[in-house]
Amino acid sequence: MDMGFDIETVANTLLDAAVAAVPDWVRSSVARVAATQGLEIDPEAVDRAADRATAFVAERLGALLRADIDAQRSTPLTMLRDAARFPVEVLHAAGAAPVQRSDTIRWAFPNDPFEVTPATFADLGDGVHEAGIVWGAAKASIHLQRRRAEGLR
């Protein structure tokens, strides 16, 4: 059953949406923690972090999405979560105090004492959320088609 997904187009849509969303996500994550703690953070440091996070996501997520689905050993959301190191670095440098986190969040994201790591695609905006869902459906469809074809041999 061909669902008609063009995985390259779907992957590029997800990459474009994620790369476009990362700078605002970094800025808003830092601003949220800074505001709750009354911190003044150098806007240039935040801009540098946003630029570094964007480049990181473009490179790492791009490489993942260009790989064949059977060769992918990570997920797009993991790549986005790995970019949390950039706002975390800014907050550490500014002297931010760790925020109260649940045991589950502490376990899931041990390197993020500020709870800025995106839990879902939606944490980066509707565009990333929608593109992530479509990409997941496309990957699942292709995976299923391949497994079925293997079974028919």
Protein backbone atom coordinates (compact mmCIF):
# COMPACT_ATOMS: atom_id res chain seq x y z
CA MET A 1 0.00 0.00 0.00
CA ASP A 2 1.79 3.12 -1.24
CA MET A 3 0.82 6.15 0.85
CA GLY A 4 2.42 8.44 -1.71
CA PHE A 5 5.01 9.95 0.61
CA ASP A 6 8.05 11.56 -0.97
CA ILE A 7 10.42 11.07 1.98
CA GLU A 8 12.96 13.57 0.64
CA THR A 9 10.36 16.35 0.41
CA VAL A 10 8.92 15.45 3.81
CA ALA A 11 12.40 15.39 5.36
CA ASN A 12 13.31 18.74 3.83
CA THR A 13 10.09 20.25 5.16
CA LEU A 14 10.94 19.04 8.66
CA LEU A 15 14.53 20.29 8.39
CA ASP A 16 13.41 23.71 7.13
CA ALA A 17 10.78 24.04 9.86
CA ALA A 18 13.21 23.01 12.60
CA VAL A 19 16.02 25.28 11.42
CA ALA A 20 13.59 28.20 11.20
CA ALA A 21 12.22 27.54 14.70
CA VAL A 22 15.47 26.99 16.60
CA PRO A 23 16.56 30.64 17.03
CA ASP A 24 13.23 31.67 18.58
CA TRP A 25 13.19 28.54 20.74
CA VAL A 26 16.67 29.31 22.11
CA ARG A 27 15.78 32.95 22.76
CA SER A 28 12.44 32.17 24.39
CA SER A 29 13.92 29.37 26.52
CA VAL A 30 16.64 31.65 27.88
CA ALA A 31 14.20 34.54 28.34
CA ARG A 32 11.72 32.38 30.26
CA VAL A 33 14.30 31.17 32.78
CA ALA A 34 15.93 34.59 33.05
CA ALA A 35 12.58 36.27 33.69
CA THR A 36 11.59 33.85 36.43
CA GLN A 37 14.96 34.30 38.12
CA GLY A 38 15.34 38.04 37.57
CA LEU A 39 18.53 37.60 35.52
CA GLU A 40 19.89 39.99 32.95
CA ILE A 41 21.49 38.02 30.15
CA ASP A 42 23.71 39.49 27.46
CA PRO A 43 21.60 39.53 24.28
CA GLU A 44 24.71 38.91 22.19
CA ALA A 45 25.40 35.72 24.13
CA VAL A 46 21.85 34.59 23.42
CA ASP A 47 22.21 35.45 19.73
CA ARG A 48 25.47 33.47 19.53
CA ALA A 49 23.78 30.51 21.22
CA ALA A 50 20.85 30.75 18.81
CA ASP A 51 23.25 30.83 15.84
CA ARG A 52 25.25 27.87 17.15
CA ALA A 53 22.11 25.86 17.88
CA THR A 54 20.75 26.60 14.42
CA ALA A 55 23.99 25.50 12.75
CA PHE A 56 24.08 22.38 14.94
CA VAL A 57 20.52 21.42 14.02
CA ALA A 58 21.04 22.16 10.34
CA GLU A 59 24.11 19.94 10.24
CA ARG A 60 23.07 17.07 12.52
CA LEU A 61 19.39 16.90 11.64
CA GLY A 62 20.22 17.38 7.97
CA ALA A 63 22.65 14.44 8.04
CA LEU A 64 20.10 12.25 9.81
CA LEU A 65 17.29 13.09 7.42
CA ARG A 66 19.49 12.54 4.35
CA ALA A 67 20.31 9.00 5.52
CA ASP A 68 18.20 6.10 4.41
CA ILE A 69 15.52 5.37 6.99
CA ASP A 70 16.99 1.95 7.74
CA ALA A 71 20.38 3.55 8.47
CA GLN A 72 19.02 6.14 10.91
CA ARG A 73 20.19 5.40 14.44
CA SER A 74 18.60 8.43 16.05
CA THR A 75 15.50 10.56 15.66
CA PRO A 76 14.83 14.15 14.65
CA LEU A 77 13.51 14.92 18.12
CA THR A 78 16.74 13.63 19.65
CA MET A 79 18.72 15.97 17.41
CA LEU A 80 16.55 18.88 18.55
CA ARG A 81 16.90 17.85 22.18
CA ASP A 82 20.69 17.72 21.80
CA ALA A 83 20.58 21.40 20.80
CA ALA A 84 19.36 22.27 24.31
CA ARG A 85 23.03 22.44 25.30
CA PHE A 86 23.22 25.91 23.76
CA PRO A 87 20.60 27.69 25.88
CA VAL A 88 21.79 25.66 28.88
CA GLU A 89 25.33 27.02 28.39
CA VAL A 90 24.04 30.60 28.32
CA LEU A 91 22.01 30.08 31.46
CA HIS A 92 24.92 28.45 33.29
CA ALA A 93 27.21 31.33 32.30
CA ALA A 94 24.63 33.84 33.57
CA GLY A 95 24.47 32.12 36.95
CA ALA A 96 20.95 30.76 36.61
CA ALA A 97 19.85 28.41 39.36
CA PRO A 98 18.49 24.98 38.47
CA VAL A 99 14.71 24.91 38.29
CA GLN A 100 12.41 22.51 40.11
CA ARG A 101 11.97 19.45 37.88
CA SER A 102 10.07 16.21 38.28
CA ASP A 103 11.97 12.98 38.71
CA THR A 104 10.90 11.93 35.23
CA ILE A 105 12.24 15.12 33.63
CA ARG A 106 15.49 14.88 35.61
CA TRP A 107 15.90 11.30 34.42
CA ALA A 108 15.00 12.05 30.79
CA PHE A 109 17.13 15.19 30.49
CA PRO A 110 19.92 14.97 33.08
CA ASN A 111 22.05 17.66 31.40
CA ASP A 112 19.30 20.26 31.44
CA PRO A 113 18.83 21.76 34.91
CA PHE A 114 16.66 24.55 33.46
CA GLU A 115 14.00 22.43 31.70
CA VAL A 116 14.52 23.98 28.28
CA THR A 117 14.82 20.70 26.35
CA PRO A 118 11.89 20.19 23.98
CA ALA A 119 9.76 17.26 25.09
CA THR A 120 7.91 17.16 21.76
CA PHE A 121 8.09 18.72 18.32
CA ALA A 122 5.28 21.06 19.40
CA ASP A 123 7.66 22.74 21.86
CA LEU A 124 9.32 24.29 18.81
CA GLY A 125 6.05 25.43 17.25
CA ASP A 126 3.17 24.22 15.13
CA GLY A 127 5.24 24.08 11.93
CA VAL A 128 7.79 21.72 13.46
CA HIS A 129 5.02 19.69 15.11
CA GLU A 130 3.14 19.18 11.85
CA ALA A 131 6.30 18.47 9.84
CA GLY A 132 7.47 15.99 12.49
CA ILE A 133 4.19 14.10 12.42
CA VAL A 134 4.20 13.90 8.61
CA TRP A 135 7.84 12.78 8.61
CA GLY A 136 7.08 10.07 11.18
CA ALA A 137 4.13 8.83 9.14
CA ALA A 138 6.22 8.81 5.96
CA LYS A 139 9.04 6.90 7.62
CA ALA A 140 6.62 4.37 9.12
CA SER A 141 4.90 3.89 5.77
CA ILE A 142 8.16 3.30 3.94
CA HIS A 143 9.39 0.98 6.67
CA LEU A 144 6.17 -1.05 6.48
CA GLN A 145 6.32 -1.22 2.68
CA ARG A 146 9.89 -2.49 2.83
CA ARG A 147 9.12 -5.13 5.45
CA ARG A 148 6.11 -6.33 3.49
CA ALA A 149 8.18 -6.50 0.28
CA GLU A 150 10.81 -8.56 2.11
CA GLY A 151 8.12 -10.95 3.28
CA LEU A 152 6.91 -11.47 -0.29
CA ARG A 153 10.28 -12.69 -1.54
